[in-house]
Amino acid sequence: MTTKSTVLLTSLIFISAISSGQVKRTIIPALNPGEQYIFRNTAISDIHEDAVRTINQNFSTSWFLRVIGKTPEGKLMLKATYLKLNQRTEHLFTHDLTGFNSDDFKEFVMKSATDEIRVQNERLRKMGEGMLGKSFTVYINSDWRVDEVTGVDTLINNVLAGMGEEDPAFMQGFGKSMKGTVNNEEIRKVFDAALAYIPEEAVGVGDKWSKDENHQIGPLKVDYTVKSEEGNNMEIAVSSASAINNDIQVSYSRKGTITVDTKTGLLVSSSVKDDMKPRAGNFTRLVIKTVKNELQKK
């Protein structure tokens, strides 16, 4: 009788744990040597000048990832290859449109409203075409923070050199702009931010954890909470309290949602918004940025 009671009590506790959402899941991706993945990253930026939204930018990139092994220090190595590129910048007052679409190389060139914009779009086309199919290496630590990216700087230098532009003033300005936004460190941040949510332990509905992140204008403590689990999908809410940058009198915060496949640990989708607001006085330029990511096995 005692044995039966113990078994019944154990079963009731197990059922109660399930019904209360206390089943824990490990949501760490298992990336094994030789496996292949597709990582998609989209950054949407609304740029405000003196409190007026003036520019909308959309940068979307897909990389083909192949796990190539580990370093002697135990860092996971991934070879990342540019698979798709789509960048679009619209000036909302003038409706000037520049960009590049790897699904239609001539799209923005054909839509150019003026000769000057057409020249810009031709140069962006050359740059985009030159980047497609080129690779670099990503190194991930055991704690799933991206430690280093190598090869992007060399990639960009080679593409710029192969553009065939003869105007040295243009090459200096355009090259500086490209190198400032597409380089080893900036791409490291993209990959690191996509994996930043990964908790150290198994988690279940209601569990919370926090991480210190680098917002584009200052440090930010970001909170993660498991909101629900349905099938293999776990939904995680992302939020932060407002932080203040006193140098430029701006408060900023982060909010969004992440969906993870609990079976594979892969990122089904995420959408996270960095919201910035003026604290006092006049201000010139602010950027409100939404970042979306996906990591799927090929």
C-alpha atoms as a PDB file:
ATOM      1  CA  MET A   1       0.000   0.000   0.000  1.00  0.00           C
ATOM      2  CA  THR A   2       2.845   2.339   0.904  1.00  0.00           C
ATOM      3  CA  THR A   3       4.593   1.609  -2.403  1.00  0.00           C
ATOM      4  CA  LYS A   4       1.417   2.318  -4.379  1.00  0.00           C
ATOM      5  CA  SER A   5       0.919   5.588  -2.498  1.00  0.00           C
ATOM      6  CA  THR A   6       4.494   6.656  -3.226  1.00  0.00           C
ATOM      7  CA  VAL A   7       4.136   5.905  -6.948  1.00  0.00           C
ATOM      8  CA  LEU A   8       0.819   7.785  -7.061  1.00  0.00           C
ATOM      9  CA  LEU A   9       2.313  10.775  -5.255  1.00  0.00           C
ATOM     10  CA  THR A  10       5.303  10.848  -7.622  1.00  0.00           C
ATOM     11  CA  SER A  11       2.997  10.726 -10.629  1.00  0.00           C
ATOM     12  CA  LEU A  12       0.884  13.561  -9.271  1.00  0.00           C
ATOM     13  CA  ILE A  13       3.981  15.706  -8.706  1.00  0.00           C
ATOM     14  CA  PHE A  14       5.165  15.029 -12.279  1.00  0.00           C
ATOM     15  CA  ILE A  15       1.736  15.873 -13.729  1.00  0.00           C
ATOM     16  CA  SER A  16       1.575  19.011 -11.579  1.00  0.00           C
ATOM     17  CA  ALA A  17       5.013  20.105 -12.834  1.00  0.00           C
ATOM     18  CA  ILE A  18       3.870  19.706 -16.427  1.00  0.00           C
ATOM     19  CA  SER A  19       0.577  21.548 -15.886  1.00  0.00           C
ATOM     20  CA  SER A  20       2.308  24.405 -14.067  1.00  0.00           C
ATOM     21  CA  GLY A  21       4.796  24.869 -16.880  1.00  0.00           C
ATOM     22  CA  GLN A  22       7.823  23.731 -14.892  1.00  0.00           C
ATOM     23  CA  VAL A  23       9.166  21.285 -17.459  1.00  0.00           C
ATOM     24  CA  LYS A  24      12.674  22.474 -18.270  1.00  0.00           C
ATOM     25  CA  ARG A  25      14.140  22.554 -21.766  1.00  0.00           C
ATOM     26  CA  THR A  26      17.727  22.991 -22.857  1.00  0.00           C
ATOM     27  CA  ILE A  27      17.662  25.472 -25.743  1.00  0.00           C
ATOM     28  CA  ILE A  28      21.313  25.397 -26.676  1.00  0.00           C
ATOM     29  CA  PRO A  29      21.896  24.675 -30.396  1.00  0.00           C
ATOM     30  CA  ALA A  30      23.832  21.504 -31.150  1.00  0.00           C
ATOM     31  CA  LEU A  31      26.044  22.616 -34.037  1.00  0.00           C
ATOM     32  CA  ASN A  32      28.151  19.674 -35.163  1.00  0.00           C
ATOM     33  CA  PRO A  33      31.115  19.659 -37.593  1.00  0.00           C
ATOM     34  CA  GLY A  34      29.991  19.309 -41.191  1.00  0.00           C
ATOM     35  CA  GLU A  35      26.435  20.524 -40.556  1.00  0.00           C
ATOM     36  CA  GLN A  36      25.046  23.395 -42.617  1.00  0.00           C
ATOM     37  CA  TYR A  37      22.698  26.226 -41.685  1.00  0.00           C
ATOM     38  CA  ILE A  38      21.100  29.386 -43.040  1.00  0.00           C
ATOM     39  CA  PHE A  39      21.283  32.520 -40.874  1.00  0.00           C
ATOM     40  CA  ARG A  40      19.058  35.449 -41.847  1.00  0.00           C
ATOM     41  CA  ASN A  41      19.473  38.899 -40.317  1.00  0.00           C
ATOM     42  CA  THR A  42      17.337  41.973 -41.014  1.00  0.00           C
ATOM     43  CA  ALA A  43      17.890  45.421 -39.487  1.00  0.00           C
ATOM     44  CA  ILE A  44      15.193  48.060 -40.010  1.00  0.00           C
ATOM     45  CA  SER A  45      16.140  51.588 -38.966  1.00  0.00           C
ATOM     46  CA  ASP A  46      13.939  54.661 -38.775  1.00  0.00           C
ATOM     47  CA  ILE A  47      16.144  57.744 -38.658  1.00  0.00           C
ATOM     48  CA  HIS A  48      14.760  60.914 -37.102  1.00  0.00           C
ATOM     49  CA  GLU A  49      16.141  64.413 -37.648  1.00  0.00           C
ATOM     50  CA  ASP A  50      14.976  66.950 -35.058  1.00  0.00           C
ATOM     51  CA  ALA A  51      12.123  64.660 -33.985  1.00  0.00           C
ATOM     52  CA  VAL A  52      10.908  64.079 -37.565  1.00  0.00           C
ATOM     53  CA  ARG A  53      11.218  60.669 -39.247  1.00  0.00           C
ATOM     54  CA  THR A  54      13.222  61.350 -42.395  1.00  0.00           C
ATOM     55  CA  ILE A  55      14.971  58.155 -43.514  1.00  0.00           C
ATOM     56  CA  ASN A  56      14.008  54.481 -43.521  1.00  0.00           C
ATOM     57  CA  GLN A  57      16.710  51.867 -44.002  1.00  0.00           C
ATOM     58  CA  ASN A  58      16.362  48.118 -44.411  1.00  0.00           C
ATOM     59  CA  PHE A  59      19.417  45.860 -44.502  1.00  0.00           C
ATOM     60  CA  SER A  60      18.762  42.144 -44.932  1.00  0.00           C
ATOM     61  CA  THR A  61      21.465  39.479 -45.250  1.00  0.00           C
ATOM     62  CA  SER A  62      21.390  35.702 -45.541  1.00  0.00           C
ATOM     63  CA  TRP A  63      24.526  33.713 -44.823  1.00  0.00           C
ATOM     64  CA  PHE A  64      25.192  30.061 -45.562  1.00  0.00           C
ATOM     65  CA  LEU A  65      26.916  28.606 -42.482  1.00  0.00           C
ATOM     66  CA  ARG A  66      29.008  25.463 -42.310  1.00  0.00           C
ATOM     67  CA  VAL A  67      30.427  24.151 -39.040  1.00  0.00           C
ATOM     68  CA  ILE A  68      34.091  23.487 -39.754  1.00  0.00           C
ATOM     69  CA  GLY A  69      35.256  22.288 -36.324  1.00  0.00           C
ATOM     70  CA  LYS A  70      36.821  23.648 -33.152  1.00  0.00           C
ATOM     71  CA  THR A  71      40.014  25.473 -32.306  1.00  0.00           C
ATOM     72  CA  PRO A  72      42.528  23.972 -29.844  1.00  0.00           C
ATOM     73  CA  GLU A  73      40.970  26.329 -27.244  1.00  0.00           C
ATOM     74  CA  GLY A  74      37.532  24.790 -27.823  1.00  0.00           C
ATOM     75  CA  LYS A  75      35.970  27.618 -29.820  1.00  0.00           C
ATOM     76  CA  LEU A  76      33.398  26.532 -32.376  1.00  0.00           C
ATOM     77  CA  MET A  77      34.333  27.617 -35.925  1.00  0.00           C
ATOM     78  CA  LEU A  78      31.770  28.427 -38.603  1.00  0.00           C
ATOM     79  CA  LYS A  79      32.442  29.397 -42.195  1.00  0.00           C
ATOM     80  CA  ALA A  80      29.902  32.045 -43.229  1.00  0.00           C
ATOM     81  CA  THR A  81      29.239  32.780 -46.911  1.00  0.00           C
ATOM     82  CA  TYR A  82      27.154  35.646 -48.275  1.00  0.00           C
ATOM     83  CA  LEU A  83      24.095  34.036 -49.854  1.00  0.00           C
ATOM     84  CA  LYS A  84      21.709  36.994 -50.278  1.00  0.00           C
ATOM     85  CA  LEU A  85      21.926  40.766 -49.798  1.00  0.00           C
ATOM     86  CA  ASN A  86      19.154  43.329 -49.795  1.00  0.00           C
ATOM     87  CA  GLN A  87      19.683  46.924 -48.743  1.00  0.00           C
ATOM     88  CA  ARG A  88      17.227  49.763 -49.204  1.00  0.00           C
ATOM     89  CA  THR A  89      17.433  53.415 -48.130  1.00  0.00           C
ATOM     90  CA  GLU A  90      14.535  55.804 -48.721  1.00  0.00           C
ATOM     91  CA  HIS A  91      14.578  59.522 -47.947  1.00  0.00           C
ATOM     92  CA  LEU A  92      10.973  60.128 -46.970  1.00  0.00           C
ATOM     93  CA  PHE A  93      10.823  63.799 -48.027  1.00  0.00           C
ATOM     94  CA  THR A  94      12.542  63.550 -51.411  1.00  0.00           C
ATOM     95  CA  HIS A  95      11.680  59.871 -52.022  1.00  0.00           C
ATOM     96  CA  ASP A  96      15.238  59.266 -53.226  1.00  0.00           C
ATOM     97  CA  LEU A  97      15.748  55.506 -53.260  1.00  0.00           C
ATOM     98  CA  THR A  98      19.089  53.704 -53.182  1.00  0.00           C
ATOM     99  CA  GLY A  99      19.989  50.085 -52.585  1.00  0.00           C
ATOM    100  CA  PHE A 100      20.799  46.642 -53.923  1.00  0.00           C
ATOM    101  CA  ASN A 101      18.724  43.463 -54.261  1.00  0.00           C
ATOM    102  CA  SER A 102      20.591  40.212 -54.896  1.00  0.00           C
ATOM    103  CA  ASP A 103      17.393  38.665 -56.298  1.00  0.00           C
ATOM    104  CA  ASP A 104      17.269  41.380 -58.976  1.00  0.00           C
ATOM    105  CA  PHE A 105      20.646  43.048 -59.495  1.00  0.00           C
ATOM    106  CA  LYS A 106      19.253  45.901 -61.624  1.00  0.00           C
ATOM    107  CA  GLU A 107      16.148  46.717 -59.544  1.00  0.00           C
ATOM    108  CA  PHE A 108      17.397  49.898 -57.890  1.00  0.00           C
ATOM    109  CA  VAL A 109      19.387  51.007 -60.932  1.00  0.00           C
ATOM    110  CA  MET A 110      16.196  50.882 -63.007  1.00  0.00           C
ATOM    111  CA  LYS A 111      14.221  52.750 -60.333  1.00  0.00           C
ATOM    112  CA  SER A 112      16.770  55.578 -60.059  1.00  0.00           C
ATOM    113  CA  ALA A 113      15.038  58.956 -60.269  1.00  0.00           C
ATOM    114  CA  THR A 114      18.146  60.939 -61.311  1.00  0.00           C
ATOM    115  CA  ASP A 115      21.504  60.325 -62.942  1.00  0.00           C
ATOM    116  CA  GLU A 116      23.249  60.962 -59.627  1.00  0.00           C
ATOM    117  CA  ILE A 117      21.170  58.336 -57.850  1.00  0.00           C
ATOM    118  CA  ARG A 118      21.701  55.935 -60.755  1.00  0.00           C
ATOM    119  CA  VAL A 119      25.468  56.248 -60.295  1.00  0.00           C
ATOM    120  CA  GLN A 120      25.083  55.514 -56.572  1.00  0.00           C
ATOM    121  CA  ASN A 121      22.948  52.467 -57.285  1.00  0.00           C
ATOM    122  CA  GLU A 122      25.404  51.174 -59.894  1.00  0.00           C
ATOM    123  CA  ARG A 123      28.162  51.363 -57.308  1.00  0.00           C
ATOM    124  CA  LEU A 124      26.020  49.599 -54.710  1.00  0.00           C
ATOM    125  CA  ARG A 125      25.274  46.928 -57.316  1.00  0.00           C
ATOM    126  CA  LYS A 126      28.976  46.368 -57.941  1.00  0.00           C
ATOM    127  CA  MET A 127      29.614  46.174 -54.208  1.00  0.00           C
ATOM    128  CA  GLY A 128      26.752  43.768 -53.573  1.00  0.00           C
ATOM    129  CA  GLU A 129      27.616  41.497 -56.471  1.00  0.00           C
ATOM    130  CA  GLY A 130      31.229  41.417 -55.329  1.00  0.00           C
ATOM    131  CA  MET A 131      30.243  40.287 -51.804  1.00  0.00           C
ATOM    132  CA  LEU A 132      27.977  37.429 -52.861  1.00  0.00           C
ATOM    133  CA  GLY A 133      29.627  34.040 -52.500  1.00  0.00           C
ATOM    134  CA  LYS A 134      32.483  35.426 -50.387  1.00  0.00           C
ATOM    135  CA  SER A 135      33.239  33.909 -46.978  1.00  0.00           C
ATOM    136  CA  PHE A 136      34.598  34.710 -43.517  1.00  0.00           C
ATOM    137  CA  THR A 137      35.011  32.803 -40.236  1.00  0.00           C
ATOM    138  CA  VAL A 138      32.992  33.064 -37.011  1.00  0.00           C
ATOM    139  CA  TYR A 139      34.375  31.853 -33.656  1.00  0.00           C
ATOM    140  CA  ILE A 140      31.935  31.017 -30.841  1.00  0.00           C
ATOM    141  CA  ASN A 141      32.969  30.470 -27.214  1.00  0.00           C
ATOM    142  CA  SER A 142      31.621  27.687 -25.006  1.00  0.00           C
ATOM    143  CA  ASP A 143      29.246  30.212 -23.375  1.00  0.00           C
ATOM    144  CA  TRP A 144      27.732  30.938 -26.834  1.00  0.00           C
ATOM    145  CA  ARG A 145      29.113  34.451 -27.078  1.00  0.00           C
ATOM    146  CA  VAL A 146      30.699  35.208 -30.443  1.00  0.00           C
ATOM    147  CA  ASP A 147      34.326  35.819 -29.595  1.00  0.00           C
ATOM    148  CA  GLU A 148      35.721  36.839 -32.974  1.00  0.00           C
ATOM    149  CA  VAL A 149      35.049  37.196 -36.686  1.00  0.00           C
ATOM    150  CA  THR A 150      37.888  37.157 -39.202  1.00  0.00           C
ATOM    151  CA  GLY A 151      38.006  37.692 -42.950  1.00  0.00           C
ATOM    152  CA  VAL A 152      35.373  40.410 -43.405  1.00  0.00           C
ATOM    153  CA  ASP A 153      37.916  43.237 -43.582  1.00  0.00           C
ATOM    154  CA  THR A 154      39.888  41.413 -46.274  1.00  0.00           C
ATOM    155  CA  LEU A 155      36.674  40.558 -48.128  1.00  0.00           C
ATOM    156  CA  ILE A 156      35.587  44.220 -48.287  1.00  0.00           C
ATOM    157  CA  ASN A 157      39.048  45.428 -49.338  1.00  0.00           C
ATOM    158  CA  ASN A 158      39.103  42.918 -52.196  1.00  0.00           C
ATOM    159  CA  VAL A 159      35.612  43.868 -53.377  1.00  0.00           C
ATOM    160  CA  LEU A 160      36.452  47.583 -53.322  1.00  0.00           C
ATOM    161  CA  ALA A 161      39.645  46.936 -55.279  1.00  0.00           C
ATOM    162  CA  GLY A 162      37.704  44.977 -57.883  1.00  0.00           C
ATOM    163  CA  MET A 163      35.021  47.587 -58.527  1.00  0.00           C
ATOM    164  CA  GLY A 164      37.054  49.273 -61.265  1.00  0.00           C
ATOM    165  CA  GLU A 165      36.315  52.812 -60.033  1.00  0.00           C
ATOM    166  CA  GLU A 166      38.793  55.438 -61.218  1.00  0.00           C
ATOM    167  CA  ASP A 167      37.646  58.357 -59.032  1.00  0.00           C
ATOM    168  CA  PRO A 168      40.008  58.338 -56.015  1.00  0.00           C
ATOM    169  CA  ALA A 169      37.826  60.789 -54.048  1.00  0.00           C
ATOM    170  CA  PHE A 170      34.821  58.500 -54.462  1.00  0.00           C
ATOM    171  CA  MET A 171      36.760  55.390 -53.537  1.00  0.00           C
ATOM    172  CA  GLN A 172      38.065  57.047 -50.408  1.00  0.00           C
ATOM    173  CA  GLY A 173      34.618  58.169 -49.240  1.00  0.00           C
ATOM    174  CA  PHE A 174      32.685  55.093 -50.350  1.00  0.00           C
ATOM    175  CA  GLY A 175      35.358  52.754 -49.033  1.00  0.00           C
ATOM    176  CA  LYS A 176      35.410  54.488 -45.659  1.00  0.00           C
ATOM    177  CA  SER A 177      31.632  54.233 -45.411  1.00  0.00           C
ATOM    178  CA  MET A 178      31.588  50.538 -46.299  1.00  0.00           C
ATOM    179  CA  LYS A 179      34.455  49.672 -43.968  1.00  0.00           C
ATOM    180  CA  GLY A 180      32.720  51.531 -41.145  1.00  0.00           C
ATOM    181  CA  THR A 181      29.558  49.415 -41.366  1.00  0.00           C
ATOM    182  CA  VAL A 182      30.769  46.069 -42.740  1.00  0.00           C
ATOM    183  CA  ASN A 183      33.867  44.916 -40.881  1.00  0.00           C
ATOM    184  CA  ASN A 184      35.006  42.126 -38.574  1.00  0.00           C
ATOM    185  CA  GLU A 185      33.727  43.790 -35.395  1.00  0.00           C
ATOM    186  CA  GLU A 186      30.340  44.914 -36.746  1.00  0.00           C
ATOM    187  CA  ILE A 187      29.588  41.473 -38.176  1.00  0.00           C
ATOM    188  CA  ARG A 188      30.706  39.896 -34.885  1.00  0.00           C
ATOM    189  CA  LYS A 189      28.083  42.030 -33.131  1.00  0.00           C
ATOM    190  CA  VAL A 190      25.384  40.804 -35.533  1.00  0.00           C
ATOM    191  CA  PHE A 191      26.108  37.137 -34.813  1.00  0.00           C
ATOM    192  CA  ASP A 192      26.628  37.726 -31.086  1.00  0.00           C
ATOM    193  CA  ALA A 193      23.332  39.605 -30.704  1.00  0.00           C
ATOM    194  CA  ALA A 194      21.440  36.793 -32.442  1.00  0.00           C
ATOM    195  CA  LEU A 195      22.712  34.249 -29.874  1.00  0.00           C
ATOM    196  CA  ALA A 196      22.764  36.510 -26.805  1.00  0.00           C
ATOM    197  CA  TYR A 197      19.519  35.118 -25.350  1.00  0.00           C
ATOM    198  CA  ILE A 198      20.859  31.558 -24.832  1.00  0.00           C
ATOM    199  CA  PRO A 199      20.563  30.726 -21.085  1.00  0.00           C
ATOM    200  CA  GLU A 200      23.182  28.815 -19.142  1.00  0.00           C
ATOM    201  CA  GLU A 201      20.657  26.286 -17.797  1.00  0.00           C
ATOM    202  CA  ALA A 202      17.505  24.500 -18.929  1.00  0.00           C
ATOM    203  CA  VAL A 203      14.430  26.737 -18.683  1.00  0.00           C
ATOM    204  CA  GLY A 204      10.644  26.412 -18.598  1.00  0.00           C
ATOM    205  CA  VAL A 205       7.567  28.629 -18.699  1.00  0.00           C
ATOM    206  CA  GLY A 206       7.917  31.465 -16.204  1.00  0.00           C
ATOM    207  CA  ASP A 207      11.701  31.254 -15.901  1.00  0.00           C
ATOM    208  CA  LYS A 208      13.679  34.475 -16.148  1.00  0.00           C
ATOM    209  CA  TRP A 209      17.315  35.411 -16.689  1.00  0.00           C
ATOM    210  CA  SER A 210      19.245  38.585 -17.488  1.00  0.00           C
ATOM    211  CA  LYS A 211      22.278  39.547 -19.507  1.00  0.00           C
ATOM    212  CA  ASP A 212      24.306  42.711 -19.875  1.00  0.00           C
ATOM    213  CA  GLU A 213      24.261  43.837 -23.496  1.00  0.00           C
ATOM    214  CA  ASN A 214      25.814  46.671 -25.473  1.00  0.00           C
ATOM    215  CA  HIS A 215      23.128  48.920 -26.886  1.00  0.00           C
ATOM    216  CA  GLN A 216      24.325  51.025 -29.793  1.00  0.00           C
ATOM    217  CA  ILE A 217      24.549  54.085 -27.530  1.00  0.00           C
ATOM    218  CA  GLY A 218      25.397  52.478 -24.203  1.00  0.00           C
ATOM    219  CA  PRO A 219      25.201  49.423 -21.886  1.00  0.00           C
ATOM    220  CA  LEU A 220      21.829  47.829 -21.207  1.00  0.00           C
ATOM    221  CA  LYS A 221      20.611  45.094 -18.855  1.00  0.00           C
ATOM    222  CA  VAL A 222      18.255  42.856 -20.857  1.00  0.00           C
ATOM    223  CA  ASP A 223      15.710  40.523 -19.227  1.00  0.00           C
ATOM    224  CA  TYR A 224      14.446  37.294 -20.810  1.00  0.00           C
ATOM    225  CA  THR A 225      11.249  35.505 -19.716  1.00  0.00           C
ATOM    226  CA  VAL A 226       9.811  32.244 -21.060  1.00  0.00           C
ATOM    227  CA  LYS A 227       6.201  33.175 -21.816  1.00  0.00           C
ATOM    228  CA  SER A 228       4.841  29.999 -23.385  1.00  0.00           C
ATOM    229  CA  GLU A 229       5.631  26.667 -24.998  1.00  0.00           C
ATOM    230  CA  GLU A 230       3.570  25.019 -27.715  1.00  0.00           C
ATOM    231  CA  GLY A 231       4.788  21.944 -29.503  1.00  0.00           C
ATOM    232  CA  ASN A 232       8.499  22.446 -30.163  1.00  0.00           C
ATOM    233  CA  ASN A 233       8.236  26.251 -30.058  1.00  0.00           C
ATOM    234  CA  MET A 234       9.202  28.188 -26.941  1.00  0.00           C
ATOM    235  CA  GLU A 235       8.362  31.903 -26.875  1.00  0.00           C
ATOM    236  CA  ILE A 236      10.681  34.183 -24.931  1.00  0.00           C
ATOM    237  CA  ALA A 237       9.860  37.805 -24.120  1.00  0.00           C
ATOM    238  CA  VAL A 238      12.707  40.328 -24.264  1.00  0.00           C
ATOM    239  CA  SER A 239      12.572  43.555 -22.274  1.00  0.00           C
ATOM    240  CA  SER A 240      14.657  46.088 -20.432  1.00  0.00           C
ATOM    241  CA  ALA A 241      14.163  49.031 -18.136  1.00  0.00           C
ATOM    242  CA  SER A 242      14.940  52.418 -19.653  1.00  0.00           C
ATOM    243  CA  ALA A 243      18.581  53.433 -19.494  1.00  0.00           C
ATOM    244  CA  ILE A 244      19.828  56.977 -19.889  1.00  0.00           C
ATOM    245  CA  ASN A 245      22.735  58.346 -21.875  1.00  0.00           C
ATOM    246  CA  ASN A 246      23.341  61.711 -20.190  1.00  0.00           C
ATOM    247  CA  ASP A 247      25.896  62.815 -22.764  1.00  0.00           C
ATOM    248  CA  ILE A 248      23.252  63.138 -25.477  1.00  0.00           C
ATOM    249  CA  GLN A 249      20.186  63.259 -23.177  1.00  0.00           C
ATOM    250  CA  VAL A 250      18.537  60.152 -24.567  1.00  0.00           C
ATOM    251  CA  SER A 251      16.697  57.305 -22.824  1.00  0.00           C
ATOM    252  CA  TYR A 252      16.646  53.940 -24.515  1.00  0.00           C
ATOM    253  CA  SER A 253      15.145  50.488 -23.976  1.00  0.00           C
ATOM    254  CA  ARG A 254      14.694  47.129 -25.665  1.00  0.00           C
ATOM    255  CA  LYS A 255      11.582  45.014 -26.230  1.00  0.00           C
ATOM    256  CA  GLY A 256      10.733  42.032 -28.400  1.00  0.00           C
ATOM    257  CA  THR A 257       9.986  38.345 -28.813  1.00  0.00           C
ATOM    258  CA  ILE A 258      12.177  35.328 -29.553  1.00  0.00           C
ATOM    259  CA  THR A 259      10.892  31.910 -30.667  1.00  0.00           C
ATOM    260  CA  VAL A 260      13.184  28.901 -30.218  1.00  0.00           C
ATOM    261  CA  ASP A 261      12.820  25.314 -31.396  1.00  0.00           C
ATOM    262  CA  THR A 262      13.207  23.286 -28.181  1.00  0.00           C
ATOM    263  CA  LYS A 263      14.024  20.133 -30.128  1.00  0.00           C
ATOM    264  CA  THR A 264      17.036  21.581 -31.947  1.00  0.00           C
ATOM    265  CA  GLY A 265      17.789  24.727 -29.938  1.00  0.00           C
ATOM    266  CA  LEU A 266      17.726  26.718 -33.184  1.00  0.00           C
ATOM    267  CA  LEU A 267      16.323  30.212 -33.527  1.00  0.00           C
ATOM    268  CA  VAL A 268      12.955  30.016 -35.315  1.00  0.00           C
ATOM    269  CA  SER A 269      12.558  33.790 -35.357  1.00  0.00           C
ATOM    270  CA  SER A 270      13.206  36.902 -33.324  1.00  0.00           C
ATOM    271  CA  SER A 271      12.111  40.522 -33.517  1.00  0.00           C
ATOM    272  CA  VAL A 272      13.714  42.946 -31.084  1.00  0.00           C
ATOM    273  CA  LYS A 273      13.295  46.725 -31.101  1.00  0.00           C
ATOM    274  CA  ASP A 274      15.677  49.282 -29.636  1.00  0.00           C
ATOM    275  CA  ASP A 275      13.615  52.368 -28.800  1.00  0.00           C
ATOM    276  CA  MET A 276      15.290  55.725 -28.173  1.00  0.00           C
ATOM    277  CA  LYS A 277      13.628  58.888 -26.910  1.00  0.00           C
ATOM    278  CA  PRO A 278      14.968  62.386 -26.162  1.00  0.00           C
ATOM    279  CA  ARG A 279      15.255  63.294 -22.490  1.00  0.00           C
ATOM    280  CA  ALA A 280      15.379  67.070 -22.748  1.00  0.00           C
ATOM    281  CA  GLY A 281      16.405  69.931 -24.984  1.00  0.00           C
ATOM    282  CA  ASN A 282      17.091  69.789 -28.691  1.00  0.00           C
ATOM    283  CA  PHE A 283      18.488  66.797 -30.515  1.00  0.00           C
ATOM    284  CA  THR A 284      19.522  66.202 -34.089  1.00  0.00           C
ATOM    285  CA  ARG A 285      19.538  62.517 -35.030  1.00  0.00           C
ATOM    286  CA  LEU A 286      18.078  59.401 -33.439  1.00  0.00           C
ATOM    287  CA  VAL A 287      17.759  55.883 -34.799  1.00  0.00           C
ATOM    288  CA  ILE A 288      14.990  53.485 -33.771  1.00  0.00           C
ATOM    289  CA  LYS A 289      16.116  50.026 -34.809  1.00  0.00           C
ATOM    290  CA  THR A 290      14.314  46.686 -35.143  1.00  0.00           C
ATOM    291  CA  VAL A 291      16.404  43.551 -35.667  1.00  0.00           C
ATOM    292  CA  LYS A 292      15.006  40.209 -36.887  1.00  0.00           C
ATOM    293  CA  ASN A 293      16.919  36.926 -36.979  1.00  0.00           C
ATOM    294  CA  GLU A 294      16.428  33.300 -38.053  1.00  0.00           C
ATOM    295  CA  LEU A 295      18.801  30.334 -37.779  1.00  0.00           C
ATOM    296  CA  GLN A 296      17.666  27.159 -39.551  1.00  0.00           C
ATOM    297  CA  LYS A 297      19.325  23.913 -40.512  1.00  0.00           C
ATOM    298  CA  LYS A 298      19.818  23.470 -44.236  1.00  0.00           C
END
